[in-house]
Amino acid sequence: MATYEYRCSRCGPFDVKLAIGTAPATHGCPVCAGAAKRVYSSPGLTLTSRTVAALHEREERSRDAPAVVSEVPPGRRVPRRPHPALSRLPQP
């Protein structure tokens, strides 16, 4: 479903939800039942949070100029413990 905008000359603008591609050039006004012309407007875009917008921007930048990693970042190393089943195997 898509939202289409119509403007009645007497009552003003109103929205109608119709299947995509089925909007007629004129539609009956819900208030006065007069013929209202379809208005072409920009699509409704939702606003995203700053965090999500920053992530999208970072992703877009990395497509053209990916960050080059020259070393493994420092971090806390977790000691590896051998699996209990492997402890019975002979050690070299």
PDB file of N, CA and C in Angstrom:
ATOM      1  N   MET A   1       0.841  -1.175   0.000  1.00  0.00           N
ATOM      2  CA  MET A   1       0.000   0.000   0.000  1.00  0.00           C
ATOM      3  C   MET A   1       0.886   1.238   0.000  1.00  0.00           C
ATOM      4  N   ALA A   2       0.442   2.232  -0.745  1.00  0.00           N
ATOM      5  CA  ALA A   2       1.149   3.502  -0.811  1.00  0.00           C
ATOM      6  C   ALA A   2       0.201   4.613  -0.398  1.00  0.00           C
ATOM      7  N   THR A   3       0.766   5.691   0.101  1.00  0.00           N
ATOM      8  CA  THR A   3      -0.030   6.846   0.498  1.00  0.00           C
ATOM      9  C   THR A   3       0.058   7.886  -0.609  1.00  0.00           C
ATOM     10  N   TYR A   4      -1.092   8.271  -1.130  1.00  0.00           N
ATOM     11  CA  TYR A   4      -1.167   9.269  -2.196  1.00  0.00           C
ATOM     12  C   TYR A   4      -1.817  10.522  -1.637  1.00  0.00           C
ATOM     13  N   GLU A   5      -1.331  11.670  -2.085  1.00  0.00           N
ATOM     14  CA  GLU A   5      -1.839  12.942  -1.600  1.00  0.00           C
ATOM     15  C   GLU A   5      -2.730  13.582  -2.658  1.00  0.00           C
ATOM     16  N   TYR A   6      -3.886  14.052  -2.214  1.00  0.00           N
ATOM     17  CA  TYR A   6      -4.838  14.754  -3.080  1.00  0.00           C
ATOM     18  C   TYR A   6      -5.159  16.101  -2.448  1.00  0.00           C
ATOM     19  N   ARG A   7      -5.563  17.077  -3.297  1.00  0.00           N
ATOM     20  CA  ARG A   7      -5.922  18.402  -2.785  1.00  0.00           C
ATOM     21  C   ARG A   7      -7.294  18.785  -3.341  1.00  0.00           C
ATOM     22  N   CYS A   8      -8.200  19.027  -2.413  1.00  0.00           N
ATOM     23  CA  CYS A   8      -9.539  19.486  -2.768  1.00  0.00           C
ATOM     24  C   CYS A   8      -9.503  21.014  -2.818  1.00  0.00           C
ATOM     25  N   SER A   9     -10.148  21.612  -3.821  1.00  0.00           N
ATOM     26  CA  SER A   9     -10.132  23.072  -3.953  1.00  0.00           C
ATOM     27  C   SER A   9     -10.909  23.754  -2.818  1.00  0.00           C
ATOM     28  N   ARG A  10     -11.837  23.042  -2.194  1.00  0.00           N
ATOM     29  CA  ARG A  10     -12.617  23.614  -1.091  1.00  0.00           C
ATOM     30  C   ARG A  10     -12.089  23.239   0.290  1.00  0.00           C
ATOM     31  N   CYS A  11     -11.674  21.981   0.463  1.00  0.00           N
ATOM     32  CA  CYS A  11     -11.338  21.479   1.807  1.00  0.00           C
ATOM     33  C   CYS A  11      -9.846  21.385   2.088  1.00  0.00           C
ATOM     34  N   GLY A  12      -9.020  21.380   1.068  1.00  0.00           N
ATOM     35  CA  GLY A  12      -7.585  21.303   1.280  1.00  0.00           C
ATOM     36  C   GLY A  12      -7.033  19.900   1.032  1.00  0.00           C
ATOM     37  N   PRO A  13      -5.806  19.664   1.495  1.00  0.00           N
ATOM     38  CA  PRO A  13      -5.148  18.379   1.208  1.00  0.00           C
ATOM     39  C   PRO A  13      -5.645  17.240   2.105  1.00  0.00           C
ATOM     40  N   PHE A  14      -5.550  16.023   1.554  1.00  0.00           N
ATOM     41  CA  PHE A  14      -5.841  14.801   2.313  1.00  0.00           C
ATOM     42  C   PHE A  14      -5.084  13.644   1.685  1.00  0.00           C
ATOM     43  N   ASP A  15      -4.888  12.594   2.459  1.00  0.00           N
ATOM     44  CA  ASP A  15      -4.143  11.422   2.005  1.00  0.00           C
ATOM     45  C   ASP A  15      -5.073  10.233   1.814  1.00  0.00           C
ATOM     46  N   VAL A  16      -4.722   9.389   0.841  1.00  0.00           N
ATOM     47  CA  VAL A  16      -5.476   8.162   0.565  1.00  0.00           C
ATOM     48  C   VAL A  16      -4.483   7.022   0.422  1.00  0.00           C
ATOM     49  N   LYS A  17      -4.752   5.902   1.065  1.00  0.00           N
ATOM     50  CA  LYS A  17      -3.892   4.713   0.931  1.00  0.00           C
ATOM     51  C   LYS A  17      -4.516   3.790  -0.110  1.00  0.00           C
ATOM     52  N   LEU A  18      -3.731   3.533  -1.163  1.00  0.00           N
ATOM     53  CA  LEU A  18      -4.173   2.677  -2.267  1.00  0.00           C
ATOM     54  C   LEU A  18      -3.041   1.742  -2.653  1.00  0.00           C
ATOM     55  N   ALA A  19      -3.362   0.715  -3.400  1.00  0.00           N
ATOM     56  CA  ALA A  19      -2.334  -0.192  -3.906  1.00  0.00           C
ATOM     57  C   ALA A  19      -1.403   0.587  -4.835  1.00  0.00           C
ATOM     58  N   ILE A  20      -0.153   0.205  -4.851  1.00  0.00           N
ATOM     59  CA  ILE A  20       0.846   0.909  -5.653  1.00  0.00           C
ATOM     60  C   ILE A  20       0.465   0.858  -7.137  1.00  0.00           C
ATOM     61  N   GLY A  21       0.494   2.031  -7.754  1.00  0.00           N
ATOM     62  CA  GLY A  21       0.199   2.128  -9.178  1.00  0.00           C
ATOM     63  C   GLY A  21      -1.269   2.209  -9.528  1.00  0.00           C
ATOM     64  N   THR A  22      -2.156   2.283  -8.552  1.00  0.00           N
ATOM     65  CA  THR A  22      -3.588   2.312  -8.859  1.00  0.00           C
ATOM     66  C   THR A  22      -4.238   3.656  -8.552  1.00  0.00           C
ATOM     67  N   ALA A  23      -3.457   4.677  -8.236  1.00  0.00           N
ATOM     68  CA  ALA A  23      -4.018   5.976  -7.862  1.00  0.00           C
ATOM     69  C   ALA A  23      -4.551   6.701  -9.094  1.00  0.00           C
ATOM     70  N   PRO A  24      -5.833   7.094  -9.089  1.00  0.00           N
ATOM     71  CA  PRO A  24      -6.384   7.847 -10.217  1.00  0.00           C
ATOM     72  C   PRO A  24      -5.959   9.308 -10.147  1.00  0.00           C
ATOM     73  N   ALA A  25      -6.147  10.036 -11.240  1.00  0.00           N
ATOM     74  CA  ALA A  25      -5.772  11.455 -11.284  1.00  0.00           C
ATOM     75  C   ALA A  25      -6.660  12.295 -10.381  1.00  0.00           C
ATOM     76  N   THR A  26      -7.906  11.880 -10.194  1.00  0.00           N
ATOM     77  CA  THR A  26      -8.816  12.572  -9.277  1.00  0.00           C
ATOM     78  C   THR A  26      -9.427  11.556  -8.330  1.00  0.00           C
ATOM     79  N   HIS A  27      -9.789  12.048  -7.142  1.00  0.00           N
ATOM     80  CA  HIS A  27     -10.374  11.181  -6.118  1.00  0.00           C
ATOM     81  C   HIS A  27     -11.410  11.991  -5.367  1.00  0.00           C
ATOM     82  N   GLY A  28     -12.454  11.343  -4.887  1.00  0.00           N
ATOM     83  CA  GLY A  28     -13.508  12.034  -4.160  1.00  0.00           C
ATOM     84  C   GLY A  28     -13.030  12.517  -2.799  1.00  0.00           C
ATOM     85  N   CYS A  29     -13.320  13.760  -2.471  1.00  0.00           N
ATOM     86  CA  CYS A  29     -12.940  14.337  -1.180  1.00  0.00           C
ATOM     87  C   CYS A  29     -13.759  13.673  -0.080  1.00  0.00           C
ATOM     88  N   PRO A  30     -13.141  13.273   1.037  1.00  0.00           N
ATOM     89  CA  PRO A  30     -13.889  12.617   2.105  1.00  0.00           C
ATOM     90  C   PRO A  30     -14.821  13.566   2.854  1.00  0.00           C
ATOM     91  N   VAL A  31     -14.629  14.890   2.725  1.00  0.00           N
ATOM     92  CA  VAL A  31     -15.462  15.853   3.447  1.00  0.00           C
ATOM     93  C   VAL A  31     -16.645  16.306   2.592  1.00  0.00           C
ATOM     94  N   CYS A  32     -16.353  16.804   1.381  1.00  0.00           N
ATOM     95  CA  CYS A  32     -17.425  17.369   0.550  1.00  0.00           C
ATOM     96  C   CYS A  32     -17.795  16.500  -0.643  1.00  0.00           C
ATOM     97  N   ALA A  33     -17.093  15.408  -0.867  1.00  0.00           N
ATOM     98  CA  ALA A  33     -17.326  14.482  -1.974  1.00  0.00           C
ATOM     99  C   ALA A  33     -17.043  15.104  -3.342  1.00  0.00           C
ATOM    100  N   GLY A  34     -16.378  16.247  -3.377  1.00  0.00           N
ATOM    101  CA  GLY A  34     -16.004  16.874  -4.642  1.00  0.00           C
ATOM    102  C   GLY A  34     -14.760  16.210  -5.220  1.00  0.00           C
ATOM    103  N   ALA A  35     -14.481  16.501  -6.483  1.00  0.00           N
ATOM    104  CA  ALA A  35     -13.320  15.919  -7.149  1.00  0.00           C
ATOM    105  C   ALA A  35     -12.052  16.647  -6.697  1.00  0.00           C
ATOM    106  N   ALA A  36     -11.077  15.877  -6.211  1.00  0.00           N
ATOM    107  CA  ALA A  36      -9.802  16.438  -5.777  1.00  0.00           C
ATOM    108  C   ALA A  36      -8.709  15.929  -6.699  1.00  0.00           C
ATOM    109  N   LYS A  37      -7.777  16.810  -7.067  1.00  0.00           N
ATOM    110  CA  LYS A  37      -6.686  16.441  -7.962  1.00  0.00           C
ATOM    111  C   LYS A  37      -5.534  15.847  -7.165  1.00  0.00           C
ATOM    112  N   ARG A  38      -4.860  14.922  -7.808  1.00  0.00           N
ATOM    113  CA  ARG A  38      -3.700  14.299  -7.182  1.00  0.00           C
ATOM    114  C   ARG A  38      -2.531  15.277  -7.172  1.00  0.00           C
ATOM    115  N   VAL A  39      -1.812  15.309  -6.040  1.00  0.00           N
ATOM    116  CA  VAL A  39      -0.657  16.176  -5.874  1.00  0.00           C
ATOM    117  C   VAL A  39       0.575  15.289  -5.822  1.00  0.00           C
ATOM    118  N   TYR A  40       1.577  15.628  -6.618  1.00  0.00           N
ATOM    119  CA  TYR A  40       2.820  14.863  -6.609  1.00  0.00           C
ATOM    120  C   TYR A  40       3.776  15.535  -5.634  1.00  0.00           C
ATOM    121  N   SER A  41       4.199  14.786  -4.644  1.00  0.00           N
ATOM    122  CA  SER A  41       5.090  15.322  -3.618  1.00  0.00           C
ATOM    123  C   SER A  41       6.245  14.363  -3.402  1.00  0.00           C
ATOM    124  N   SER A  42       7.195  14.806  -2.603  1.00  0.00           N
ATOM    125  CA  SER A  42       8.352  13.958  -2.317  1.00  0.00           C
ATOM    126  C   SER A  42       7.920  12.775  -1.464  1.00  0.00           C
ATOM    127  N   PRO A  43       8.606  11.651  -1.577  1.00  0.00           N
ATOM    128  CA  PRO A  43       8.235  10.485  -0.777  1.00  0.00           C
ATOM    129  C   PRO A  43       8.499  10.746   0.699  1.00  0.00           C
ATOM    130  N   GLY A  44       7.710  10.134   1.540  1.00  0.00           N
ATOM    131  CA  GLY A  44       7.899  10.275   2.978  1.00  0.00           C
ATOM    132  C   GLY A  44       9.091   9.458   3.437  1.00  0.00           C
ATOM    133  N   LEU A  45      10.093  10.118   3.936  1.00  0.00           N
ATOM    134  CA  LEU A  45      11.291   9.445   4.418  1.00  0.00           C
ATOM    135  C   LEU A  45      11.328   9.552   5.936  1.00  0.00           C
ATOM    136  N   THR A  46      11.655   8.468   6.581  1.00  0.00           N
ATOM    137  CA  THR A  46      11.731   8.494   8.033  1.00  0.00           C
ATOM    138  C   THR A  46      13.092   9.012   8.470  1.00  0.00           C
ATOM    139  N   LEU A  47      13.104   9.660   9.603  1.00  0.00           N
ATOM    140  CA  LEU A  47      14.355  10.163  10.149  1.00  0.00           C
ATOM    141  C   LEU A  47      14.997   9.064  10.984  1.00  0.00           C
ATOM    142  N   THR A  48      16.280   8.916  10.834  1.00  0.00           N
ATOM    143  CA  THR A  48      16.992   7.899  11.589  1.00  0.00           C
ATOM    144  C   THR A  48      17.736   8.553  12.738  1.00  0.00           C
ATOM    145  N   SER A  49      18.087   7.759  13.729  1.00  0.00           N
ATOM    146  CA  SER A  49      18.840   8.281  14.863  1.00  0.00           C
ATOM    147  C   SER A  49      20.256   8.642  14.414  1.00  0.00           C
ATOM    148  N   ARG A  50      20.935   9.435  15.228  1.00  0.00           N
ATOM    149  CA  ARG A  50      22.294   9.852  14.880  1.00  0.00           C
ATOM    150  C   ARG A  50      23.236   8.661  14.814  1.00  0.00           C
ATOM    151  N   THR A  51      23.031   7.702  15.706  1.00  0.00           N
ATOM    152  CA  THR A  51      23.900   6.522  15.722  1.00  0.00           C
ATOM    153  C   THR A  51      23.765   5.732  14.427  1.00  0.00           C
ATOM    154  N   VAL A  52      22.537   5.484  14.010  1.00  0.00           N
ATOM    155  CA  VAL A  52      22.304   4.720  12.779  1.00  0.00           C
ATOM    156  C   VAL A  52      22.799   5.504  11.570  1.00  0.00           C
ATOM    157  N   ALA A  53      22.572   6.817  11.562  1.00  0.00           N
ATOM    158  CA  ALA A  53      23.044   7.642  10.450  1.00  0.00           C
ATOM    159  C   ALA A  53      24.570   7.610  10.368  1.00  0.00           C
ATOM    160  N   ALA A  54      25.253   7.650  11.522  1.00  0.00           N
ATOM    161  CA  ALA A  54      26.718   7.595  11.538  1.00  0.00           C
ATOM    162  C   ALA A  54      27.212   6.249  11.014  1.00  0.00           C
ATOM    163  N   LEU A  55      26.524   5.172  11.366  1.00  0.00           N
ATOM    164  CA  LEU A  55      26.906   3.848  10.870  1.00  0.00           C
ATOM    165  C   LEU A  55      26.735   3.754   9.356  1.00  0.00           C
ATOM    166  N   HIS A  56      25.641   4.299   8.836  1.00  0.00           N
ATOM    167  CA  HIS A  56      25.425   4.294   7.386  1.00  0.00           C
ATOM    168  C   HIS A  56      26.495   5.115   6.674  1.00  0.00           C
ATOM    169  N   GLU A  57      26.830   6.260   7.248  1.00  0.00           N
ATOM    170  CA  GLU A  57      27.852   7.110   6.646  1.00  0.00           C
ATOM    171  C   GLU A  57      29.213   6.412   6.649  1.00  0.00           C
ATOM    172  N   ARG A  58      29.526   5.745   7.743  1.00  0.00           N
ATOM    173  CA  ARG A  58      30.797   5.017   7.833  1.00  0.00           C
ATOM    174  C   ARG A  58      30.849   3.893   6.802  1.00  0.00           C
ATOM    175  N   GLU A  59      29.737   3.207   6.629  1.00  0.00           N
ATOM    176  CA  GLU A  59      29.673   2.129   5.642  1.00  0.00           C
ATOM    177  C   GLU A  59      29.862   2.676   4.228  1.00  0.00           C
ATOM    178  N   GLU A  60      29.226   3.811   3.931  1.00  0.00           N
ATOM    179  CA  GLU A  60      29.367   4.422   2.614  1.00  0.00           C
ATOM    180  C   GLU A  60      30.817   4.830   2.346  1.00  0.00           C
ATOM    181  N   ARG A  61      31.490   5.404   3.342  1.00  0.00           N
ATOM    182  CA  ARG A  61      32.889   5.807   3.169  1.00  0.00           C
ATOM    183  C   ARG A  61      33.780   4.601   2.945  1.00  0.00           C
ATOM    184  N   SER A  62      33.511   3.495   3.627  1.00  0.00           N
ATOM    185  CA  SER A  62      34.377   2.324   3.526  1.00  0.00           C
ATOM    186  C   SER A  62      34.276   1.648   2.156  1.00  0.00           C
ATOM    187  N   ARG A  63      33.239   1.927   1.405  1.00  0.00           N
ATOM    188  CA  ARG A  63      33.122   1.354   0.056  1.00  0.00           C
ATOM    189  C   ARG A  63      34.185   1.927  -0.872  1.00  0.00           C
ATOM    190  N   ASP A  64      34.410   3.235  -0.765  1.00  0.00           N
ATOM    191  CA  ASP A  64      35.371   3.898  -1.645  1.00  0.00           C
ATOM    192  C   ASP A  64      36.789   3.879  -1.087  1.00  0.00           C
ATOM    193  N   ALA A  65      36.917   4.037   0.214  1.00  0.00           N
ATOM    194  CA  ALA A  65      38.243   4.102   0.839  1.00  0.00           C
ATOM    195  C   ALA A  65      38.232   3.257   2.111  1.00  0.00           C
ATOM    196  N   PRO A  66      38.406   1.950   1.979  1.00  0.00           N
ATOM    197  CA  PRO A  66      38.370   1.105   3.170  1.00  0.00           C
ATOM    198  C   PRO A  66      39.559   1.376   4.088  1.00  0.00           C
ATOM    199  N   ALA A  67      39.326   1.234   5.373  1.00  0.00           N
ATOM    200  CA  ALA A  67      40.385   1.432   6.354  1.00  0.00           C
ATOM    201  C   ALA A  67      41.381   0.278   6.246  1.00  0.00           C
ATOM    202  N   VAL A  68      42.683   0.618   6.263  1.00  0.00           N
ATOM    203  CA  VAL A  68      43.734  -0.386   6.159  1.00  0.00           C
ATOM    204  C   VAL A  68      44.209  -0.714   7.567  1.00  0.00           C
ATOM    205  N   VAL A  69      44.231  -1.983   7.901  1.00  0.00           N
ATOM    206  CA  VAL A  69      44.673  -2.425   9.212  1.00  0.00           C
ATOM    207  C   VAL A  69      46.094  -2.936   9.080  1.00  0.00           C
ATOM    208  N   SER A  70      47.019  -2.357   9.873  1.00  0.00           N
ATOM    209  CA  SER A  70      48.422  -2.764   9.774  1.00  0.00           C
ATOM    210  C   SER A  70      48.843  -3.681  10.917  1.00  0.00           C
ATOM    211  N   GLU A  71      48.053  -3.734  11.978  1.00  0.00           N
ATOM    212  CA  GLU A  71      48.375  -4.625  13.094  1.00  0.00           C
ATOM    213  C   GLU A  71      47.108  -5.015  13.831  1.00  0.00           C
ATOM    214  N   VAL A  72      47.219  -6.039  14.607  1.00  0.00           N
ATOM    215  CA  VAL A  72      46.085  -6.510  15.388  1.00  0.00           C
ATOM    216  C   VAL A  72      45.869  -5.524  16.532  1.00  0.00           C
ATOM    217  N   PRO A  73      44.646  -5.071  16.736  1.00  0.00           N
ATOM    218  CA  PRO A  73      44.420  -4.113  17.811  1.00  0.00           C
ATOM    219  C   PRO A  73      44.695  -4.745  19.168  1.00  0.00           C
ATOM    220  N   PRO A  74      45.204  -3.934  20.110  1.00  0.00           N
ATOM    221  CA  PRO A  74      45.482  -4.491  21.431  1.00  0.00           C
ATOM    222  C   PRO A  74      44.182  -4.889  22.126  1.00  0.00           C
ATOM    223  N   GLY A  75      44.276  -5.922  22.894  1.00  0.00           N
ATOM    224  CA  GLY A  75      43.100  -6.396  23.599  1.00  0.00           C
ATOM    225  C   GLY A  75      43.501  -7.346  24.703  1.00  0.00           C
ATOM    226  N   ARG A  76      42.561  -7.720  25.473  1.00  0.00           N
ATOM    227  CA  ARG A  76      42.828  -8.641  26.566  1.00  0.00           C
ATOM    228  C   ARG A  76      42.879 -10.052  26.021  1.00  0.00           C
ATOM    229  N   ARG A  77      43.982 -10.701  26.253  1.00  0.00           N
ATOM    230  CA  ARG A  77      44.119 -12.078  25.771  1.00  0.00           C
ATOM    231  C   ARG A  77      43.561 -13.037  26.805  1.00  0.00           C
ATOM    232  N   VAL A  78      42.804 -13.968  26.328  1.00  0.00           N
ATOM    233  CA  VAL A  78      42.232 -14.993  27.191  1.00  0.00           C
ATOM    234  C   VAL A  78      43.076 -16.244  27.025  1.00  0.00           C
ATOM    235  N   PRO A  79      43.628 -16.778  28.123  1.00  0.00           N
ATOM    236  CA  PRO A  79      44.448 -17.987  27.976  1.00  0.00           C
ATOM    237  C   PRO A  79      43.592 -19.156  27.491  1.00  0.00           C
ATOM    238  N   ARG A  80      44.147 -19.902  26.568  1.00  0.00           N
ATOM    239  CA  ARG A  80      43.423 -21.054  26.033  1.00  0.00           C
ATOM    240  C   ARG A  80      43.616 -22.247  26.953  1.00  0.00           C
ATOM    241  N   ARG A  81      42.541 -22.870  27.257  1.00  0.00           N
ATOM    242  CA  ARG A  81      42.590 -24.093  28.055  1.00  0.00           C
ATOM    243  C   ARG A  81      42.368 -25.258  27.114  1.00  0.00           C
ATOM    244  N   PRO A  82      43.168 -26.275  27.226  1.00  0.00           N
ATOM    245  CA  PRO A  82      42.967 -27.420  26.332  1.00  0.00           C
ATOM    246  C   PRO A  82      41.640 -28.105  26.640  1.00  0.00           C
ATOM    247  N   HIS A  83      41.099 -28.670  25.622  1.00  0.00           N
ATOM    248  CA  HIS A  83      39.849 -29.406  25.777  1.00  0.00           C
ATOM    249  C   HIS A  83      40.117 -30.613  26.668  1.00  0.00           C
ATOM    250  N   PRO A  84      39.210 -30.942  27.605  1.00  0.00           N
ATOM    251  CA  PRO A  84      39.440 -32.066  28.522  1.00  0.00           C
ATOM    252  C   PRO A  84      39.701 -33.389  27.814  1.00  0.00           C
ATOM    253  N   ALA A  85      39.087 -33.606  26.658  1.00  0.00           N
ATOM    254  CA  ALA A  85      39.292 -34.871  25.953  1.00  0.00           C
ATOM    255  C   ALA A  85      40.704 -34.962  25.378  1.00  0.00           C
ATOM    256  N   LEU A  86      41.328 -33.816  25.102  1.00  0.00           N
ATOM    257  CA  LEU A  86      42.671 -33.809  24.537  1.00  0.00           C
ATOM    258  C   LEU A  86      43.751 -34.038  25.590  1.00  0.00           C
ATOM    259  N   SER A  87      43.426 -33.895  26.855  1.00  0.00           N
ATOM    260  CA  SER A  87      44.432 -34.039  27.910  1.00  0.00           C
ATOM    261  C   SER A  87      44.939 -35.482  28.018  1.00  0.00           C
ATOM    262  N   ARG A  88      44.176 -36.443  27.528  1.00  0.00           N
ATOM    263  CA  ARG A  88      44.613 -37.851  27.602  1.00  0.00           C
ATOM    264  C   ARG A  88      45.508 -38.255  26.462  1.00  0.00           C
ATOM    265  N   LEU A  89      45.649 -37.390  25.455  1.00  0.00           N
ATOM    266  CA  LEU A  89      46.515 -37.713  24.323  1.00  0.00           C
ATOM    267  C   LEU A  89      47.992 -37.528  24.731  1.00  0.00           C
ATOM    268  N   PRO A  90      48.887 -38.304  24.111  1.00  0.00           N
ATOM    269  CA  PRO A  90      50.313 -38.152  24.417  1.00  0.00           C
ATOM    270  C   PRO A  90      50.836 -36.788  23.984  1.00  0.00           C
ATOM    271  N   GLN A  91      51.669 -36.183  24.797  1.00  0.00           N
ATOM    272  CA  GLN A  91      52.267 -34.883  24.499  1.00  0.00           C
ATOM    273  C   GLN A  91      53.619 -35.078  23.845  1.00  0.00           C
ATOM    274  N   PRO A  92      54.018 -34.270  22.877  1.00  0.00           N
ATOM    275  CA  PRO A  92      55.317 -34.437  22.243  1.00  0.00           C
ATOM    276  C   PRO A  92      56.459 -34.007  23.147  1.00  0.00           C
TER     277      PRO A  92
END
